[in-house]
Amino acid sequence: MPDFSTVCRRQKTLNVSLPYRGGTGPLNLLIDNTGIKAEGEGEWNARKHGGPKRRIWREIHMRIDEVTLEVRAVEITTSNVGDAPMLPELLV
């Protein structure tokens, strides 16, 4: 059973290591984003007590190897950030 006693639920950052196999030829990358809805305290309160719901949307920007479909980079931003501003971050 995992030990969650040292993990803070309100942690602001999370460092993730994405292992991948090295290649010998050219690397073709796919870059895309998708939106996810995160349920915040406002939505829980609205369900429990009634009232307006406050939805939190986040964008997940991904860099994926076209051949192996391995995820090479991930950045999470607010919903108003598109792929173009995140491109330099994803190519590092």
N, C-alpha and C. Protein backbone atom coordinates (compact mmCIF):
# COMPACT_ATOMS: atom_id res chain seq x y z
N MET A 1 0.84 -1.17 0.00
CA MET A 1 0.00 0.00 0.00
C MET A 1 0.89 1.24 0.00
N PRO A 2 0.60 2.20 -0.88
CA PRO A 2 1.42 3.40 -0.93
C PRO A 2 1.31 4.24 0.34
N ASP A 3 2.36 4.96 0.64
CA ASP A 3 2.38 5.82 1.81
C ASP A 3 2.16 7.25 1.35
N PHE A 4 1.00 7.82 1.66
CA PHE A 4 0.67 9.17 1.24
C PHE A 4 0.93 10.19 2.34
N SER A 5 1.55 9.78 3.44
CA SER A 5 1.72 10.68 4.57
C SER A 5 2.67 11.83 4.27
N THR A 6 3.60 11.66 3.32
CA THR A 6 4.57 12.71 3.02
C THR A 6 4.15 13.56 1.83
N VAL A 7 3.03 13.25 1.20
CA VAL A 7 2.59 13.99 0.01
C VAL A 7 1.56 15.04 0.42
N CYS A 8 1.82 16.27 0.04
CA CYS A 8 0.89 17.36 0.33
C CYS A 8 -0.15 17.42 -0.78
N ARG A 9 -1.43 17.46 -0.43
CA ARG A 9 -2.48 17.51 -1.45
C ARG A 9 -2.49 18.83 -2.21
N ARG A 10 -1.94 19.86 -1.66
CA ARG A 10 -1.95 21.17 -2.30
C ARG A 10 -0.58 21.52 -2.87
N GLN A 11 0.13 20.53 -3.26
CA GLN A 11 1.48 20.72 -3.80
C GLN A 11 1.41 21.54 -5.08
N LYS A 12 2.26 22.55 -5.20
CA LYS A 12 2.23 23.44 -6.36
C LYS A 12 2.96 22.86 -7.56
N THR A 13 4.03 22.13 -7.35
CA THR A 13 4.79 21.56 -8.47
C THR A 13 5.04 20.08 -8.21
N LEU A 14 5.28 19.37 -9.29
CA LEU A 14 5.58 17.96 -9.21
C LEU A 14 6.62 17.65 -10.28
N ASN A 15 7.79 17.20 -9.87
CA ASN A 15 8.84 16.84 -10.82
C ASN A 15 8.62 15.41 -11.28
N VAL A 16 8.53 15.23 -12.60
CA VAL A 16 8.28 13.92 -13.18
C VAL A 16 9.40 13.59 -14.14
N SER A 17 9.92 12.39 -14.03
CA SER A 17 10.95 11.91 -14.94
C SER A 17 10.29 11.01 -15.97
N LEU A 18 10.48 11.31 -17.26
CA LEU A 18 9.90 10.52 -18.33
C LEU A 18 11.00 9.72 -19.02
N PRO A 19 11.19 8.46 -18.64
CA PRO A 19 12.23 7.66 -19.29
C PRO A 19 11.82 7.31 -20.72
N TYR A 20 12.78 7.24 -21.62
CA TYR A 20 12.50 6.86 -23.00
C TYR A 20 13.73 6.18 -23.59
N ARG A 21 13.47 5.40 -24.63
CA ARG A 21 14.55 4.71 -25.32
C ARG A 21 15.20 5.66 -26.31
N GLY A 22 16.50 5.59 -26.43
CA GLY A 22 17.21 6.43 -27.40
C GLY A 22 17.01 5.89 -28.81
N GLY A 23 17.12 6.75 -29.77
CA GLY A 23 16.97 6.36 -31.17
C GLY A 23 18.24 6.63 -31.95
N THR A 24 18.33 6.04 -33.13
CA THR A 24 19.52 6.25 -33.95
C THR A 24 19.25 7.16 -35.13
N GLY A 25 18.02 7.26 -35.57
CA GLY A 25 17.69 8.08 -36.75
C GLY A 25 17.08 9.40 -36.35
N PRO A 26 16.51 10.08 -37.34
CA PRO A 26 15.85 11.36 -37.06
C PRO A 26 14.64 11.15 -36.16
N LEU A 27 14.30 12.17 -35.42
CA LEU A 27 13.20 12.11 -34.46
C LEU A 27 12.05 12.97 -34.97
N ASN A 28 10.92 12.35 -35.22
CA ASN A 28 9.71 13.07 -35.61
C ASN A 28 8.83 13.20 -34.38
N LEU A 29 8.44 14.43 -34.07
CA LEU A 29 7.67 14.68 -32.86
C LEU A 29 6.27 15.17 -33.20
N LEU A 30 5.32 14.77 -32.38
CA LEU A 30 3.95 15.27 -32.45
C LEU A 30 3.74 16.15 -31.23
N ILE A 31 3.20 17.34 -31.44
CA ILE A 31 2.93 18.25 -30.33
C ILE A 31 1.46 18.62 -30.38
N ASP A 32 0.78 18.40 -29.25
CA ASP A 32 -0.65 18.68 -29.19
C ASP A 32 -1.01 19.01 -27.75
N ASN A 33 -2.22 19.50 -27.58
CA ASN A 33 -2.69 19.75 -26.22
C ASN A 33 -4.11 19.24 -26.09
N THR A 34 -4.51 19.04 -24.87
CA THR A 34 -5.87 18.64 -24.56
C THR A 34 -6.28 19.33 -23.28
N GLY A 35 -7.55 19.50 -23.09
CA GLY A 35 -8.05 20.14 -21.88
C GLY A 35 -8.61 19.12 -20.90
N ILE A 36 -8.41 19.37 -19.63
CA ILE A 36 -9.00 18.52 -18.60
C ILE A 36 -9.72 19.41 -17.60
N LYS A 37 -10.78 18.88 -17.03
CA LYS A 37 -11.51 19.62 -16.01
C LYS A 37 -11.08 19.09 -14.66
N ALA A 38 -10.60 19.98 -13.83
CA ALA A 38 -10.21 19.61 -12.48
C ALA A 38 -11.32 20.03 -11.53
N GLU A 39 -11.68 19.13 -10.65
CA GLU A 39 -12.74 19.45 -9.70
C GLU A 39 -12.14 20.13 -8.49
N GLY A 40 -12.52 21.36 -8.30
CA GLY A 40 -11.99 22.12 -7.18
C GLY A 40 -12.96 22.14 -6.01
N GLU A 41 -12.60 22.86 -4.97
CA GLU A 41 -13.43 22.95 -3.78
C GLU A 41 -14.78 23.56 -4.09
N GLY A 42 -14.82 24.52 -5.02
CA GLY A 42 -16.08 25.17 -5.37
C GLY A 42 -17.09 24.20 -5.94
N GLU A 43 -16.64 23.26 -6.76
CA GLU A 43 -17.55 22.29 -7.36
C GLU A 43 -18.06 21.30 -6.32
N TRP A 44 -17.20 20.90 -5.40
CA TRP A 44 -17.62 19.99 -4.34
C TRP A 44 -18.66 20.66 -3.46
N ASN A 45 -18.43 21.91 -3.10
CA ASN A 45 -19.40 22.65 -2.27
C ASN A 45 -20.73 22.82 -2.98
N ALA A 46 -20.69 23.05 -4.30
CA ALA A 46 -21.92 23.23 -5.06
C ALA A 46 -22.74 21.94 -5.07
N ARG A 47 -22.08 20.81 -5.19
CA ARG A 47 -22.78 19.53 -5.16
C ARG A 47 -23.38 19.26 -3.78
N LYS A 48 -22.64 19.59 -2.76
CA LYS A 48 -23.08 19.28 -1.39
C LYS A 48 -24.14 20.26 -0.90
N HIS A 49 -23.95 21.55 -1.16
CA HIS A 49 -24.82 22.58 -0.58
C HIS A 49 -25.67 23.32 -1.62
N GLY A 50 -25.47 23.08 -2.89
CA GLY A 50 -26.18 23.81 -3.93
C GLY A 50 -25.46 25.11 -4.24
N GLY A 51 -25.85 25.74 -5.32
CA GLY A 51 -25.22 27.01 -5.70
C GLY A 51 -24.46 26.86 -7.00
N PRO A 52 -23.81 27.94 -7.44
CA PRO A 52 -23.11 27.91 -8.73
C PRO A 52 -21.85 27.04 -8.66
N LYS A 53 -21.57 26.41 -9.79
CA LYS A 53 -20.36 25.58 -9.89
C LYS A 53 -19.23 26.40 -10.48
N ARG A 54 -18.05 26.21 -9.95
CA ARG A 54 -16.87 26.89 -10.48
C ARG A 54 -15.95 25.82 -11.03
N ARG A 55 -15.85 25.73 -12.35
CA ARG A 55 -15.03 24.70 -12.97
C ARG A 55 -13.62 25.23 -13.19
N ILE A 56 -12.67 24.35 -13.01
CA ILE A 56 -11.27 24.67 -13.25
C ILE A 56 -10.81 23.85 -14.45
N TRP A 57 -10.37 24.52 -15.50
CA TRP A 57 -9.87 23.83 -16.70
C TRP A 57 -8.37 24.04 -16.79
N ARG A 58 -7.67 23.00 -17.19
CA ARG A 58 -6.22 23.05 -17.40
C ARG A 58 -5.91 22.47 -18.77
N GLU A 59 -4.84 22.94 -19.38
CA GLU A 59 -4.38 22.42 -20.66
C GLU A 59 -3.14 21.57 -20.43
N ILE A 60 -3.11 20.40 -21.02
CA ILE A 60 -1.94 19.53 -20.96
C ILE A 60 -1.31 19.56 -22.35
N HIS A 61 -0.09 20.08 -22.45
CA HIS A 61 0.66 20.16 -23.70
C HIS A 61 1.66 19.00 -23.70
N MET A 62 1.67 18.21 -24.77
CA MET A 62 2.52 17.02 -24.83
C MET A 62 3.39 17.00 -26.07
N ARG A 63 4.59 16.45 -25.91
CA ARG A 63 5.48 16.17 -27.03
C ARG A 63 5.63 14.65 -27.07
N ILE A 64 5.26 14.04 -28.20
CA ILE A 64 5.23 12.58 -28.32
C ILE A 64 6.08 12.16 -29.51
N ASP A 65 6.86 11.08 -29.32
CA ASP A 65 7.63 10.49 -30.40
C ASP A 65 6.65 9.82 -31.37
N GLU A 66 6.73 10.18 -32.65
CA GLU A 66 5.78 9.70 -33.65
C GLU A 66 5.86 8.19 -33.85
N VAL A 67 7.05 7.61 -33.77
CA VAL A 67 7.23 6.18 -34.05
C VAL A 67 6.86 5.32 -32.84
N THR A 68 7.43 5.62 -31.69
CA THR A 68 7.23 4.78 -30.51
C THR A 68 6.03 5.21 -29.67
N LEU A 69 5.49 6.41 -29.92
CA LEU A 69 4.39 7.00 -29.16
C LEU A 69 4.74 7.19 -27.69
N GLU A 70 6.02 7.36 -27.40
CA GLU A 70 6.47 7.67 -26.05
C GLU A 70 6.29 9.15 -25.79
N VAL A 71 5.83 9.48 -24.60
CA VAL A 71 5.69 10.87 -24.20
C VAL A 71 7.08 11.38 -23.86
N ARG A 72 7.53 12.45 -24.52
CA ARG A 72 8.86 13.00 -24.29
C ARG A 72 8.85 14.23 -23.40
N ALA A 73 7.74 14.98 -23.38
CA ALA A 73 7.66 16.18 -22.53
C ALA A 73 6.19 16.49 -22.26
N VAL A 74 5.93 17.03 -21.08
CA VAL A 74 4.57 17.41 -20.68
C VAL A 74 4.65 18.74 -19.96
N GLU A 75 3.77 19.65 -20.29
CA GLU A 75 3.62 20.92 -19.59
C GLU A 75 2.13 21.12 -19.31
N ILE A 76 1.80 21.58 -18.13
CA ILE A 76 0.41 21.86 -17.77
C ILE A 76 0.27 23.35 -17.52
N THR A 77 -0.73 23.96 -18.18
CA THR A 77 -0.94 25.40 -18.06
C THR A 77 -2.41 25.68 -17.80
N THR A 78 -2.73 26.95 -17.64
CA THR A 78 -4.13 27.35 -17.54
C THR A 78 -4.78 27.20 -18.91
N SER A 79 -6.09 27.31 -18.95
CA SER A 79 -6.82 27.03 -20.18
C SER A 79 -6.64 28.08 -21.27
N ASN A 80 -6.09 29.23 -20.95
CA ASN A 80 -5.96 30.29 -21.96
C ASN A 80 -4.61 30.27 -22.68
N VAL A 81 -3.78 29.26 -22.46
CA VAL A 81 -2.47 29.17 -23.12
C VAL A 81 -2.55 28.11 -24.21
N GLY A 82 -2.21 28.50 -25.44
CA GLY A 82 -2.26 27.57 -26.57
C GLY A 82 -0.94 26.85 -26.78
N ASP A 83 -0.86 26.11 -27.89
CA ASP A 83 0.35 25.34 -28.20
C ASP A 83 1.52 26.23 -28.62
N ALA A 84 1.26 27.29 -29.36
CA ALA A 84 2.35 28.12 -29.90
C ALA A 84 3.26 28.70 -28.81
N PRO A 85 2.73 29.29 -27.75
CA PRO A 85 3.63 29.81 -26.71
C PRO A 85 4.38 28.71 -25.95
N MET A 86 3.85 27.51 -25.93
CA MET A 86 4.48 26.41 -25.19
C MET A 86 5.50 25.65 -26.02
N LEU A 87 5.56 25.89 -27.31
CA LEU A 87 6.47 25.15 -28.19
C LEU A 87 7.93 25.20 -27.75
N PRO A 88 8.48 26.37 -27.40
CA PRO A 88 9.87 26.40 -26.95
C PRO A 88 10.11 25.53 -25.70
N GLU A 89 9.17 25.54 -24.78
CA GLU A 89 9.30 24.73 -23.57
C GLU A 89 9.28 23.24 -23.88
N LEU A 90 8.46 22.84 -24.85
CA LEU A 90 8.32 21.43 -25.19
C LEU A 90 9.51 20.90 -25.99
N LEU A 91 10.25 21.78 -26.65
CA LEU A 91 11.38 21.35 -27.47
C LEU A 91 12.69 21.29 -26.70
N VAL A 92 12.71 21.74 -25.47
CA VAL A 92 13.94 21.73 -24.67
C VAL A 92 14.26 20.31 -24.23
